[in-house]
């Protein structure tokens, strides 16, 4: 349990020669922290991730939304799909979270979307037991196909029922996962979960998964 006061603030995280901007929210007595790893072309201001983050905060979880790339780096299209670069950034940001007094005692979970899901898997494998749970929303775990069989972190895959290609990619990877796993398909939802009630269901499923493994 977090023994510090609740905080909600913008943060700057040094990563090598650059500084990544983020938004850290820690409710009083937080029961875990969820680090969001957005998909290509998105940012810490992703409306979908922000919606899920607010839901998790209401359920007692700390959250960190941060930019994987600087604005200048994001201008280079290829950087958005550089999974190795994104994974290295996520690893350093995770280590930063562990060193902050308001979050150092909290179990860590990842919420990955699209390409961010692949980075979450790669880093969870690299950090072994430091990551307690992963939730993937419309993710591309197939981009971490060589690492996924070594994953020991419980993972929930959430896919829209009308997102046929991503269902196929997730199903292919699901069979290779050896740790605790679950796949949820939300009927009628497309890749961005823009349909009425779809994102609410994503948030609810994510909260249940983190409640199980972070508390």
N, C-alpha and C. Protein backbone atom coordinates (compact mmCIF):
# COMPACT_ATOMS: atom_id res chain seq x y z
N UNK A 1 0.85 -1.20 0.00
CA UNK A 1 0.00 0.00 0.00
C UNK A 1 0.89 1.26 0.00
N UNK A 2 0.48 2.25 -0.77
CA UNK A 2 1.23 3.48 -0.83
C UNK A 2 0.94 4.32 0.42
N UNK A 3 1.98 4.76 1.09
CA UNK A 3 1.81 5.47 2.35
C UNK A 3 1.99 6.98 2.19
N UNK A 4 1.99 7.46 0.97
CA UNK A 4 2.20 8.88 0.72
C UNK A 4 0.92 9.55 0.27
N UNK A 5 0.98 10.88 0.19
CA UNK A 5 -0.19 11.65 -0.23
C UNK A 5 -0.47 11.44 -1.72
N UNK A 6 -1.73 11.62 -2.08
CA UNK A 6 -2.12 11.49 -3.48
C UNK A 6 -1.45 12.60 -4.30
N UNK A 7 -1.03 12.25 -5.53
CA UNK A 7 -0.43 13.24 -6.41
C UNK A 7 -0.99 13.09 -7.82
N UNK A 8 -1.03 14.19 -8.53
CA UNK A 8 -1.44 14.21 -9.94
C UNK A 8 -0.63 15.32 -10.59
N UNK A 9 0.39 14.95 -11.33
CA UNK A 9 1.30 15.96 -11.83
C UNK A 9 1.97 15.56 -13.13
N UNK A 10 2.43 16.57 -13.85
CA UNK A 10 3.25 16.34 -15.04
C UNK A 10 4.66 16.01 -14.58
N UNK A 11 5.31 15.09 -15.28
CA UNK A 11 6.67 14.69 -14.90
C UNK A 11 7.57 14.71 -16.13
N UNK A 12 8.86 14.84 -15.90
CA UNK A 12 9.86 14.76 -16.95
C UNK A 12 10.80 13.62 -16.61
N UNK A 13 10.94 12.69 -17.54
CA UNK A 13 11.73 11.49 -17.28
C UNK A 13 12.95 11.49 -18.19
N UNK A 14 14.16 11.60 -17.62
CA UNK A 14 15.36 11.60 -18.45
C UNK A 14 15.65 10.21 -19.01
N UNK A 15 15.84 10.16 -20.33
CA UNK A 15 16.14 8.91 -21.01
C UNK A 15 17.30 9.17 -21.97
N UNK A 16 18.49 8.83 -21.53
CA UNK A 16 19.67 9.09 -22.36
C UNK A 16 19.84 10.58 -22.59
N UNK A 17 19.85 10.99 -23.86
CA UNK A 17 20.07 12.38 -24.21
C UNK A 17 18.76 13.18 -24.32
N UNK A 18 17.63 12.53 -24.10
CA UNK A 18 16.35 13.22 -24.23
C UNK A 18 15.56 13.14 -22.93
N UNK A 19 14.51 13.93 -22.88
CA UNK A 19 13.60 13.93 -21.73
C UNK A 19 12.19 13.64 -22.24
N UNK A 20 11.56 12.64 -21.65
CA UNK A 20 10.21 12.26 -22.04
C UNK A 20 9.21 12.86 -21.05
N UNK A 21 8.12 13.39 -21.56
CA UNK A 21 7.10 14.00 -20.71
C UNK A 21 6.02 12.99 -20.36
N UNK A 22 5.50 13.10 -19.15
CA UNK A 22 4.48 12.17 -18.71
C UNK A 22 3.50 12.79 -17.74
N UNK A 23 2.47 12.04 -17.42
CA UNK A 23 1.46 12.45 -16.44
C UNK A 23 1.35 11.34 -15.40
N UNK A 24 1.72 11.64 -14.17
CA UNK A 24 1.71 10.66 -13.09
C UNK A 24 0.57 10.96 -12.14
N UNK A 25 -0.26 9.96 -11.89
CA UNK A 25 -1.37 10.11 -10.96
C UNK A 25 -1.29 8.98 -9.94
N UNK A 26 -1.18 9.35 -8.68
CA UNK A 26 -1.09 8.35 -7.61
C UNK A 26 -2.17 8.63 -6.57
N UNK A 27 -3.26 7.85 -6.58
CA UNK A 27 -4.28 8.03 -5.55
C UNK A 27 -3.72 7.67 -4.17
N UNK A 28 -4.32 8.23 -3.16
CA UNK A 28 -3.89 7.89 -1.80
C UNK A 28 -4.15 6.41 -1.56
N UNK A 29 -3.18 5.73 -0.96
CA UNK A 29 -3.28 4.29 -0.69
C UNK A 29 -3.43 3.48 -1.97
N UNK A 30 -2.73 3.88 -3.01
CA UNK A 30 -2.77 3.15 -4.29
C UNK A 30 -2.34 1.71 -4.07
N UNK A 31 -2.97 0.79 -4.80
CA UNK A 31 -2.68 -0.63 -4.64
C UNK A 31 -1.81 -1.19 -5.75
N UNK A 32 -1.27 -0.34 -6.61
CA UNK A 32 -0.40 -0.76 -7.70
C UNK A 32 -0.31 0.37 -8.69
N UNK A 33 0.64 0.30 -9.61
CA UNK A 33 0.76 1.33 -10.64
C UNK A 33 0.73 0.69 -12.02
N UNK A 34 0.00 1.32 -12.93
CA UNK A 34 -0.10 0.84 -14.30
C UNK A 34 0.59 1.84 -15.22
N UNK A 35 1.59 1.36 -15.94
CA UNK A 35 2.31 2.19 -16.90
C UNK A 35 1.70 1.95 -18.28
N UNK A 36 1.28 3.02 -18.93
CA UNK A 36 0.64 2.92 -20.24
C UNK A 36 1.69 3.02 -21.35
N UNK A 37 1.57 2.10 -22.31
CA UNK A 37 2.48 2.07 -23.45
C UNK A 37 1.63 2.23 -24.71
N UNK A 38 1.57 3.44 -25.24
CA UNK A 38 0.64 3.72 -26.33
C UNK A 38 1.13 3.17 -27.67
N UNK A 39 0.24 3.17 -28.62
CA UNK A 39 0.57 2.68 -29.95
C UNK A 39 1.22 3.73 -30.82
N UNK A 40 1.57 3.37 -32.03
CA UNK A 40 2.25 4.26 -32.95
C UNK A 40 1.42 5.50 -33.26
N UNK A 41 2.07 6.64 -33.26
CA UNK A 41 1.41 7.89 -33.59
C UNK A 41 0.59 8.50 -32.47
N UNK A 42 0.59 7.88 -31.30
CA UNK A 42 -0.17 8.40 -30.17
C UNK A 42 0.76 9.09 -29.19
N UNK A 43 0.24 9.45 -28.02
CA UNK A 43 1.04 10.17 -27.03
C UNK A 43 0.42 10.00 -25.65
N UNK A 44 0.97 10.74 -24.69
CA UNK A 44 0.44 10.68 -23.32
C UNK A 44 -0.98 11.24 -23.24
N UNK A 45 -1.39 11.95 -24.29
CA UNK A 45 -2.73 12.54 -24.30
C UNK A 45 -3.75 11.66 -25.02
N UNK A 46 -3.41 10.41 -25.32
CA UNK A 46 -4.34 9.50 -25.98
C UNK A 46 -5.68 9.49 -25.26
N UNK A 47 -6.76 9.87 -25.92
CA UNK A 47 -8.06 9.91 -25.24
C UNK A 47 -8.52 8.55 -24.74
N UNK A 48 -8.18 7.49 -25.49
CA UNK A 48 -8.61 6.14 -25.07
C UNK A 48 -7.83 5.68 -23.84
N UNK A 49 -6.51 5.88 -23.87
CA UNK A 49 -5.72 5.49 -22.71
C UNK A 49 -6.05 6.36 -21.50
N UNK A 50 -6.32 7.64 -21.74
CA UNK A 50 -6.69 8.53 -20.64
C UNK A 50 -7.99 8.08 -19.99
N UNK A 51 -8.92 7.62 -20.80
CA UNK A 51 -10.20 7.13 -20.27
C UNK A 51 -9.97 5.93 -19.37
N UNK A 52 -9.16 4.97 -19.85
CA UNK A 52 -8.88 3.77 -19.06
C UNK A 52 -8.10 4.15 -17.79
N UNK A 53 -7.17 5.08 -17.93
CA UNK A 53 -6.37 5.50 -16.77
C UNK A 53 -7.25 6.10 -15.67
N UNK A 54 -8.20 6.94 -16.07
CA UNK A 54 -9.11 7.54 -15.08
C UNK A 54 -9.95 6.47 -14.39
N UNK A 55 -10.36 5.48 -15.14
CA UNK A 55 -11.15 4.39 -14.55
C UNK A 55 -10.29 3.63 -13.53
N UNK A 56 -9.04 3.37 -13.88
CA UNK A 56 -8.15 2.66 -12.97
C UNK A 56 -7.88 3.48 -11.72
N UNK A 57 -7.72 4.80 -11.90
CA UNK A 57 -7.50 5.67 -10.74
C UNK A 57 -8.68 5.61 -9.78
N UNK A 58 -9.88 5.61 -10.35
CA UNK A 58 -11.09 5.53 -9.53
C UNK A 58 -11.17 4.21 -8.76
N UNK A 59 -10.46 3.21 -9.28
CA UNK A 59 -10.43 1.91 -8.62
C UNK A 59 -9.16 1.70 -7.79
N UNK A 60 -8.45 2.79 -7.51
CA UNK A 60 -7.34 2.73 -6.57
C UNK A 60 -5.97 2.46 -7.14
N UNK A 61 -5.81 2.56 -8.46
CA UNK A 61 -4.51 2.31 -9.06
C UNK A 61 -3.83 3.62 -9.47
N UNK A 62 -2.53 3.68 -9.26
CA UNK A 62 -1.73 4.77 -9.80
C UNK A 62 -1.53 4.53 -11.29
N UNK A 63 -1.35 5.59 -12.05
CA UNK A 63 -1.12 5.45 -13.49
C UNK A 63 -0.02 6.39 -13.96
N UNK A 64 0.67 5.98 -15.00
CA UNK A 64 1.65 6.84 -15.66
C UNK A 64 1.43 6.75 -17.16
N UNK A 65 1.05 7.88 -17.75
CA UNK A 65 0.98 7.99 -19.20
C UNK A 65 2.18 8.83 -19.63
N UNK A 66 2.93 8.37 -20.62
CA UNK A 66 4.12 9.13 -21.02
C UNK A 66 4.36 9.00 -22.52
N UNK A 67 5.12 9.94 -23.05
CA UNK A 67 5.46 9.92 -24.47
C UNK A 67 6.65 8.99 -24.69
N UNK A 68 6.50 8.07 -25.62
CA UNK A 68 7.60 7.16 -25.96
C UNK A 68 8.68 7.87 -26.77
N UNK A 69 8.28 8.91 -27.49
CA UNK A 69 9.18 9.67 -28.34
C UNK A 69 9.04 11.16 -28.06
N UNK A 70 10.10 11.92 -28.31
CA UNK A 70 10.00 13.37 -28.25
C UNK A 70 9.24 13.82 -29.51
N UNK A 71 8.78 15.07 -29.51
CA UNK A 71 8.05 15.58 -30.67
C UNK A 71 8.92 15.55 -31.93
N UNK A 72 10.21 15.80 -31.77
CA UNK A 72 11.12 15.78 -32.91
C UNK A 72 11.32 14.35 -33.42
N UNK A 73 11.46 13.40 -32.49
CA UNK A 73 11.63 12.00 -32.88
C UNK A 73 10.38 11.46 -33.57
N UNK A 74 9.22 11.95 -33.13
CA UNK A 74 7.97 11.46 -33.68
C UNK A 74 7.76 11.91 -35.13
N UNK A 75 8.50 12.92 -35.55
CA UNK A 75 8.41 13.38 -36.93
C UNK A 75 8.98 12.35 -37.90
N UNK A 76 9.84 11.47 -37.40
CA UNK A 76 10.43 10.41 -38.22
C UNK A 76 9.51 9.19 -38.10
N UNK A 77 8.78 8.92 -39.16
CA UNK A 77 7.73 7.90 -39.15
C UNK A 77 8.23 6.54 -38.67
N UNK A 78 9.43 6.16 -39.09
CA UNK A 78 9.97 4.84 -38.76
C UNK A 78 10.15 4.65 -37.26
N UNK A 79 10.39 5.74 -36.53
CA UNK A 79 10.59 5.64 -35.08
C UNK A 79 9.36 5.07 -34.37
N UNK A 80 8.19 5.34 -34.93
CA UNK A 80 6.94 4.91 -34.30
C UNK A 80 6.82 3.38 -34.28
N UNK A 81 7.51 2.72 -35.18
CA UNK A 81 7.43 1.26 -35.28
C UNK A 81 8.73 0.58 -34.89
N UNK A 82 9.62 1.35 -34.26
CA UNK A 82 10.90 0.79 -33.80
C UNK A 82 10.68 0.16 -32.43
N UNK A 83 10.30 -1.11 -32.44
CA UNK A 83 9.94 -1.78 -31.18
C UNK A 83 11.12 -1.84 -30.22
N UNK A 84 12.32 -2.01 -30.73
CA UNK A 84 13.50 -2.06 -29.86
C UNK A 84 13.71 -0.71 -29.15
N UNK A 85 13.53 0.38 -29.88
CA UNK A 85 13.67 1.72 -29.29
C UNK A 85 12.59 1.95 -28.25
N UNK A 86 11.35 1.62 -28.61
CA UNK A 86 10.24 1.80 -27.69
C UNK A 86 10.43 0.96 -26.42
N UNK A 87 10.91 -0.26 -26.60
CA UNK A 87 11.11 -1.16 -25.46
C UNK A 87 12.20 -0.62 -24.53
N UNK A 88 13.26 -0.10 -25.10
CA UNK A 88 14.34 0.46 -24.27
C UNK A 88 13.83 1.66 -23.48
N UNK A 89 13.00 2.48 -24.11
CA UNK A 89 12.42 3.64 -23.41
C UNK A 89 11.53 3.17 -22.25
N UNK A 90 10.71 2.17 -22.52
CA UNK A 90 9.81 1.65 -21.50
C UNK A 90 10.60 1.09 -20.32
N UNK A 91 11.68 0.40 -20.61
CA UNK A 91 12.50 -0.18 -19.54
C UNK A 91 13.07 0.91 -18.64
N UNK A 92 13.59 1.98 -19.24
CA UNK A 92 14.17 3.07 -18.46
C UNK A 92 13.11 3.79 -17.65
N UNK A 93 11.93 3.99 -18.25
CA UNK A 93 10.83 4.65 -17.54
C UNK A 93 10.37 3.78 -16.37
N UNK A 94 10.34 2.48 -16.56
CA UNK A 94 9.96 1.56 -15.48
C UNK A 94 10.95 1.67 -14.32
N UNK A 95 12.23 1.73 -14.64
CA UNK A 95 13.25 1.89 -13.60
C UNK A 95 13.11 3.23 -12.88
N UNK A 96 12.68 4.25 -13.62
CA UNK A 96 12.42 5.56 -13.01
C UNK A 96 11.28 5.46 -12.01
N UNK A 97 10.22 4.75 -12.37
CA UNK A 97 9.07 4.58 -11.49
C UNK A 97 9.48 3.90 -10.18
N UNK A 98 10.34 2.89 -10.30
CA UNK A 98 10.80 2.14 -9.13
C UNK A 98 11.57 3.04 -8.16
N UNK A 99 12.20 4.09 -8.67
CA UNK A 99 13.04 4.96 -7.84
C UNK A 99 12.28 6.13 -7.22
N UNK A 100 11.04 6.36 -7.65
CA UNK A 100 10.26 7.48 -7.09
C UNK A 100 9.65 7.09 -5.76
N UNK A 101 9.73 7.98 -4.78
CA UNK A 101 9.27 7.63 -3.43
C UNK A 101 7.78 7.31 -3.38
N UNK A 102 6.98 7.95 -4.24
CA UNK A 102 5.54 7.72 -4.21
C UNK A 102 5.11 6.44 -4.91
N UNK A 103 6.03 5.81 -5.65
CA UNK A 103 5.66 4.61 -6.41
C UNK A 103 6.59 3.42 -6.18
N UNK A 104 7.63 3.62 -5.39
CA UNK A 104 8.65 2.58 -5.23
C UNK A 104 8.13 1.30 -4.59
N UNK A 105 7.07 1.41 -3.80
CA UNK A 105 6.53 0.23 -3.09
C UNK A 105 5.41 -0.47 -3.86
N UNK A 106 5.05 0.06 -5.01
CA UNK A 106 3.88 -0.45 -5.73
C UNK A 106 4.25 -1.53 -6.75
N UNK A 107 3.41 -2.55 -6.83
CA UNK A 107 3.56 -3.53 -7.89
C UNK A 107 3.26 -2.84 -9.23
N UNK A 108 3.94 -3.29 -10.29
CA UNK A 108 3.85 -2.62 -11.58
C UNK A 108 3.10 -3.48 -12.60
N UNK A 109 2.20 -2.82 -13.33
CA UNK A 109 1.53 -3.45 -14.45
C UNK A 109 1.72 -2.61 -15.70
N UNK A 110 1.59 -3.23 -16.86
CA UNK A 110 1.65 -2.52 -18.14
C UNK A 110 0.29 -2.59 -18.83
N UNK A 111 -0.11 -1.47 -19.43
CA UNK A 111 -1.28 -1.45 -20.30
C UNK A 111 -0.78 -1.02 -21.67
N UNK A 112 -0.71 -1.97 -22.59
CA UNK A 112 -0.17 -1.69 -23.91
C UNK A 112 -1.25 -1.65 -24.97
N UNK A 113 -1.10 -0.74 -25.92
CA UNK A 113 -2.03 -0.65 -27.05
C UNK A 113 -1.24 -0.75 -28.35
N UNK A 114 -1.78 -1.50 -29.30
CA UNK A 114 -1.16 -1.63 -30.62
C UNK A 114 0.30 -2.06 -30.48
N UNK A 115 1.24 -1.30 -31.06
CA UNK A 115 2.66 -1.67 -30.98
C UNK A 115 3.18 -1.62 -29.55
N UNK A 116 2.54 -0.83 -28.70
CA UNK A 116 2.97 -0.74 -27.31
C UNK A 116 2.85 -2.07 -26.58
N UNK A 117 1.93 -2.93 -27.03
CA UNK A 117 1.78 -4.25 -26.40
C UNK A 117 3.02 -5.11 -26.61
N UNK A 118 3.61 -5.01 -27.79
CA UNK A 118 4.83 -5.76 -28.07
C UNK A 118 5.97 -5.30 -27.18
N UNK A 119 6.09 -3.98 -27.00
CA UNK A 119 7.12 -3.44 -26.13
C UNK A 119 6.91 -3.90 -24.69
N UNK A 120 5.65 -3.91 -24.25
CA UNK A 120 5.34 -4.35 -22.88
C UNK A 120 5.78 -5.78 -22.65
N UNK A 121 5.55 -6.64 -23.63
CA UNK A 121 5.95 -8.05 -23.52
C UNK A 121 7.47 -8.18 -23.47
N UNK A 122 8.15 -7.48 -24.38
CA UNK A 122 9.61 -7.57 -24.45
C UNK A 122 10.26 -7.12 -23.15
N UNK A 123 9.77 -6.02 -22.59
CA UNK A 123 10.37 -5.50 -21.36
C UNK A 123 10.01 -6.39 -20.17
N UNK A 124 8.79 -6.90 -20.13
CA UNK A 124 8.41 -7.79 -19.03
C UNK A 124 9.28 -9.04 -19.01
N UNK A 125 9.62 -9.56 -20.17
CA UNK A 125 10.52 -10.72 -20.25
C UNK A 125 11.90 -10.32 -19.76
N UNK A 126 12.35 -9.14 -20.17
CA UNK A 126 13.69 -8.66 -19.81
C UNK A 126 13.81 -8.40 -18.31
N UNK A 127 12.76 -7.85 -17.72
CA UNK A 127 12.79 -7.50 -16.30
C UNK A 127 12.32 -8.64 -15.41
N UNK A 128 11.97 -9.76 -16.02
CA UNK A 128 11.54 -10.96 -15.32
C UNK A 128 10.39 -10.68 -14.35
N UNK A 129 10.60 -10.83 -13.05
CA UNK A 129 9.49 -10.78 -12.10
C UNK A 129 9.11 -9.37 -11.63
N UNK A 130 9.70 -8.35 -12.21
CA UNK A 130 9.41 -6.98 -11.77
C UNK A 130 8.05 -6.48 -12.27
N UNK A 131 7.55 -7.09 -13.34
CA UNK A 131 6.26 -6.68 -13.88
C UNK A 131 5.22 -7.73 -13.52
N UNK A 132 4.16 -7.31 -12.83
CA UNK A 132 3.21 -8.26 -12.25
C UNK A 132 2.03 -8.60 -13.14
N UNK A 133 1.72 -7.75 -14.13
CA UNK A 133 0.57 -8.02 -15.01
C UNK A 133 0.65 -7.16 -16.26
N UNK A 134 0.09 -7.67 -17.34
CA UNK A 134 0.01 -6.94 -18.61
C UNK A 134 -1.41 -7.02 -19.14
N UNK A 135 -1.91 -5.89 -19.63
CA UNK A 135 -3.16 -5.87 -20.39
C UNK A 135 -2.85 -5.29 -21.76
N UNK A 136 -3.32 -5.96 -22.79
CA UNK A 136 -3.10 -5.52 -24.17
C UNK A 136 -4.44 -5.16 -24.80
N UNK A 137 -4.55 -3.91 -25.30
CA UNK A 137 -5.80 -3.46 -25.95
C UNK A 137 -5.56 -3.32 -27.45
N UNK A 138 -6.21 -4.14 -28.23
CA UNK A 138 -6.02 -4.07 -29.67
C UNK A 138 -4.55 -4.17 -30.03
N UNK A 139 -3.84 -5.03 -29.31
CA UNK A 139 -2.39 -5.06 -29.37
C UNK A 139 -1.81 -5.88 -30.50
N UNK A 140 -0.49 -5.73 -30.65
CA UNK A 140 0.26 -6.47 -31.64
C UNK A 140 1.34 -7.31 -30.94
N UNK A 141 0.92 -8.29 -30.13
CA UNK A 141 1.89 -9.16 -29.46
C UNK A 141 2.72 -9.97 -30.44
N UNK A 142 2.23 -10.09 -31.68
CA UNK A 142 2.99 -10.82 -32.70
C UNK A 142 4.31 -10.16 -33.01
N UNK A 143 4.44 -8.86 -32.70
CA UNK A 143 5.70 -8.16 -32.94
C UNK A 143 6.74 -8.50 -31.86
N UNK A 144 6.33 -9.28 -30.87
CA UNK A 144 7.25 -9.79 -29.85
C UNK A 144 7.20 -11.31 -29.85
N UNK A 145 7.00 -11.90 -31.02
CA UNK A 145 6.79 -13.34 -31.15
C UNK A 145 7.97 -14.16 -30.62
N UNK A 146 9.19 -13.66 -30.77
CA UNK A 146 10.36 -14.42 -30.33
C UNK A 146 10.50 -14.41 -28.80
N UNK A 147 9.90 -13.44 -28.13
CA UNK A 147 10.02 -13.34 -26.68
C UNK A 147 8.84 -13.92 -25.93
N UNK A 148 7.69 -14.01 -26.58
CA UNK A 148 6.45 -14.27 -25.85
C UNK A 148 6.44 -15.64 -25.15
N UNK A 149 7.14 -16.61 -25.68
CA UNK A 149 7.16 -17.93 -25.04
C UNK A 149 7.95 -17.91 -23.73
N UNK A 150 8.76 -16.86 -23.52
CA UNK A 150 9.52 -16.72 -22.27
C UNK A 150 8.82 -15.84 -21.26
N UNK A 151 7.63 -15.35 -21.59
CA UNK A 151 6.91 -14.45 -20.71
C UNK A 151 6.40 -15.17 -19.47
N UNK A 152 6.68 -14.60 -18.30
CA UNK A 152 6.19 -15.16 -17.04
C UNK A 152 5.12 -14.27 -16.40
N UNK A 153 4.86 -13.14 -17.00
CA UNK A 153 3.90 -12.18 -16.47
C UNK A 153 2.49 -12.50 -16.97
N UNK A 154 1.51 -12.59 -16.07
CA UNK A 154 0.12 -12.84 -16.50
C UNK A 154 -0.33 -11.78 -17.50
N UNK A 155 -0.97 -12.20 -18.59
CA UNK A 155 -1.33 -11.26 -19.65
C UNK A 155 -2.78 -11.46 -20.10
N UNK A 156 -3.47 -10.33 -20.27
CA UNK A 156 -4.84 -10.31 -20.78
C UNK A 156 -4.82 -9.63 -22.14
N UNK A 157 -5.34 -10.33 -23.15
CA UNK A 157 -5.44 -9.77 -24.50
C UNK A 157 -6.89 -9.37 -24.75
N UNK A 158 -7.12 -8.09 -25.05
CA UNK A 158 -8.46 -7.59 -25.34
C UNK A 158 -8.50 -7.15 -26.80
N UNK A 159 -9.44 -7.70 -27.55
CA UNK A 159 -9.53 -7.41 -28.98
C UNK A 159 -10.99 -7.14 -29.35
N UNK A 160 -11.19 -6.21 -30.29
CA UNK A 160 -12.53 -5.93 -30.78
C UNK A 160 -13.04 -7.05 -31.66
N UNK A 161 -14.31 -7.39 -31.53
CA UNK A 161 -14.88 -8.49 -32.29
C UNK A 161 -14.87 -8.28 -33.79
N UNK A 162 -14.84 -7.03 -34.24
CA UNK A 162 -14.80 -6.73 -35.66
C UNK A 162 -13.40 -6.42 -36.17
N UNK A 163 -12.42 -6.57 -35.30
CA UNK A 163 -11.02 -6.32 -35.67
C UNK A 163 -10.39 -7.65 -36.09
N UNK A 164 -10.83 -8.15 -37.23
CA UNK A 164 -10.55 -9.53 -37.64
C UNK A 164 -9.06 -9.84 -37.74
N UNK A 165 -8.29 -8.95 -38.35
CA UNK A 165 -6.85 -9.22 -38.52
C UNK A 165 -6.16 -9.30 -37.17
N UNK A 166 -6.49 -8.39 -36.27
CA UNK A 166 -5.84 -8.38 -34.95
C UNK A 166 -6.29 -9.58 -34.12
N UNK A 167 -7.53 -10.03 -34.30
CA UNK A 167 -7.98 -11.26 -33.63
C UNK A 167 -7.11 -12.43 -34.07
N UNK A 168 -6.88 -12.50 -35.37
CA UNK A 168 -6.06 -13.58 -35.91
C UNK A 168 -4.64 -13.54 -35.38
N UNK A 169 -4.06 -12.33 -35.33
CA UNK A 169 -2.69 -12.18 -34.83
C UNK A 169 -2.59 -12.53 -33.35
N UNK A 170 -3.59 -12.09 -32.57
CA UNK A 170 -3.59 -12.39 -31.13
C UNK A 170 -3.80 -13.88 -30.88
N UNK A 171 -4.69 -14.49 -31.65
CA UNK A 171 -4.95 -15.92 -31.47
C UNK A 171 -3.71 -16.75 -31.76
N UNK A 172 -2.97 -16.34 -32.77
CA UNK A 172 -1.74 -17.04 -33.13
C UNK A 172 -0.72 -16.99 -31.99
N UNK A 173 -0.60 -15.81 -31.37
CA UNK A 173 0.36 -15.64 -30.28
C UNK A 173 -0.13 -16.27 -28.99
N UNK A 174 -1.45 -16.26 -28.78
CA UNK A 174 -2.03 -16.79 -27.54
C UNK A 174 -1.58 -18.22 -27.28
N UNK A 175 -1.51 -19.02 -28.31
CA UNK A 175 -1.12 -20.42 -28.15
C UNK A 175 0.33 -20.58 -27.72
N UNK A 176 1.15 -19.55 -27.94
CA UNK A 176 2.57 -19.61 -27.60
C UNK A 176 2.86 -19.12 -26.18
N UNK A 177 1.86 -18.50 -25.56
CA UNK A 177 2.04 -17.96 -24.22
C UNK A 177 1.91 -19.07 -23.19
N UNK A 178 2.89 -19.20 -22.30
CA UNK A 178 2.92 -20.29 -21.32
C UNK A 178 2.50 -19.85 -19.92
N UNK A 179 2.43 -18.55 -19.70
CA UNK A 179 2.08 -18.05 -18.38
C UNK A 179 0.56 -17.93 -18.26
N UNK A 180 0.05 -17.41 -17.12
CA UNK A 180 -1.38 -17.19 -16.97
C UNK A 180 -1.85 -16.23 -18.05
N UNK A 181 -2.89 -16.60 -18.76
CA UNK A 181 -3.31 -15.80 -19.91
C UNK A 181 -4.82 -15.87 -20.09
N UNK A 182 -5.33 -14.84 -20.76
CA UNK A 182 -6.75 -14.80 -21.07
C UNK A 182 -6.94 -13.90 -22.28
N UNK A 183 -7.90 -14.26 -23.13
CA UNK A 183 -8.20 -13.44 -24.29
C UNK A 183 -9.68 -13.09 -24.26
N UNK A 184 -9.98 -11.80 -24.33
CA UNK A 184 -11.36 -11.32 -24.31
C UNK A 184 -11.66 -10.62 -25.64
N UNK A 185 -12.70 -11.05 -26.32
CA UNK A 185 -13.13 -10.43 -27.56
C UNK A 185 -14.43 -9.68 -27.30
N UNK A 186 -14.41 -8.36 -27.53
CA UNK A 186 -15.57 -7.54 -27.25
C UNK A 186 -16.44 -7.47 -28.51
N UNK A 187 -17.62 -8.07 -28.47
CA UNK A 187 -18.49 -8.14 -29.66
C UNK A 187 -18.81 -6.76 -30.24
N UNK A 188 -18.71 -6.65 -31.56
CA UNK A 188 -19.08 -5.42 -32.24
C UNK A 188 -18.06 -4.31 -32.22
N UNK A 189 -16.98 -4.48 -31.47
CA UNK A 189 -15.98 -3.42 -31.35
C UNK A 189 -14.96 -3.49 -32.49
N UNK A 190 -14.53 -2.33 -32.96
CA UNK A 190 -13.48 -2.25 -33.96
C UNK A 190 -12.14 -1.97 -33.28
N UNK A 191 -11.11 -1.69 -34.06
CA UNK A 191 -9.75 -1.59 -33.52
C UNK A 191 -9.61 -0.50 -32.45
N UNK A 192 -10.29 0.61 -32.62
CA UNK A 192 -10.14 1.72 -31.68
C UNK A 192 -11.20 1.72 -30.57
N UNK A 193 -12.06 0.73 -30.57
CA UNK A 193 -13.09 0.59 -29.53
C UNK A 193 -13.92 1.87 -29.39
N UNK A 194 -14.32 2.42 -30.53
CA UNK A 194 -15.08 3.68 -30.54
C UNK A 194 -16.57 3.48 -30.38
N UNK A 195 -17.03 2.24 -30.45
CA UNK A 195 -18.45 1.95 -30.34
C UNK A 195 -18.96 2.21 -28.91
N UNK A 196 -20.23 2.58 -28.74
CA UNK A 196 -20.79 2.85 -27.41
C UNK A 196 -20.58 1.68 -26.45
N UNK A 197 -19.97 1.98 -25.32
CA UNK A 197 -19.77 0.98 -24.28
C UNK A 197 -18.53 0.11 -24.45
N UNK A 198 -17.88 0.15 -25.60
CA UNK A 198 -16.74 -0.74 -25.84
C UNK A 198 -15.55 -0.39 -24.96
N UNK A 199 -15.22 0.89 -24.89
CA UNK A 199 -14.06 1.30 -24.09
C UNK A 199 -14.32 1.11 -22.60
N UNK A 200 -15.58 1.29 -22.21
CA UNK A 200 -15.95 1.04 -20.81
C UNK A 200 -15.69 -0.43 -20.46
N UNK A 201 -15.99 -1.31 -21.39
CA UNK A 201 -15.76 -2.73 -21.14
C UNK A 201 -14.26 -3.03 -21.06
N UNK A 202 -13.48 -2.38 -21.91
CA UNK A 202 -12.02 -2.53 -21.86
C UNK A 202 -11.51 -2.12 -20.48
N UNK A 203 -11.96 -0.96 -20.01
CA UNK A 203 -11.51 -0.45 -18.71
C UNK A 203 -11.89 -1.39 -17.58
N UNK A 204 -13.10 -1.91 -17.63
CA UNK A 204 -13.58 -2.82 -16.59
C UNK A 204 -12.76 -4.11 -16.57
N UNK A 205 -12.51 -4.68 -17.75
CA UNK A 205 -11.71 -5.91 -17.84
C UNK A 205 -10.29 -5.67 -17.35
N UNK A 206 -9.72 -4.52 -17.71
CA UNK A 206 -8.37 -4.20 -17.29
C UNK A 206 -8.29 -4.06 -15.77
N UNK A 207 -9.26 -3.36 -15.19
CA UNK A 207 -9.28 -3.18 -13.74
C UNK A 207 -9.37 -4.52 -13.02
N UNK A 208 -10.19 -5.42 -13.52
CA UNK A 208 -10.32 -6.74 -12.91
C UNK A 208 -9.01 -7.52 -12.97
N UNK A 209 -8.32 -7.41 -14.11
CA UNK A 209 -7.05 -8.13 -14.27
C UNK A 209 -5.99 -7.57 -13.32
N UNK A 210 -5.90 -6.25 -13.24
CA UNK A 210 -4.92 -5.64 -12.35
C UNK A 210 -5.29 -5.87 -10.88
N UNK A 211 -6.58 -5.89 -10.59
CA UNK A 211 -7.03 -6.18 -9.22
C UNK A 211 -6.56 -7.58 -8.81
N UNK A 212 -6.55 -8.47 -9.73
CA UNK A 212 -6.17 -9.85 -9.45
C UNK A 212 -4.66 -10.00 -9.21
N UNK A 213 -3.87 -9.23 -9.96
CA UNK A 213 -2.41 -9.47 -9.94
C UNK A 213 -1.57 -8.36 -9.32
N UNK A 214 -2.15 -7.15 -9.12
CA UNK A 214 -1.35 -6.07 -8.54
C UNK A 214 -1.67 -5.80 -7.08
N UNK A 215 -2.84 -6.21 -6.64
CA UNK A 215 -3.25 -5.90 -5.26
C UNK A 215 -2.68 -6.95 -4.31
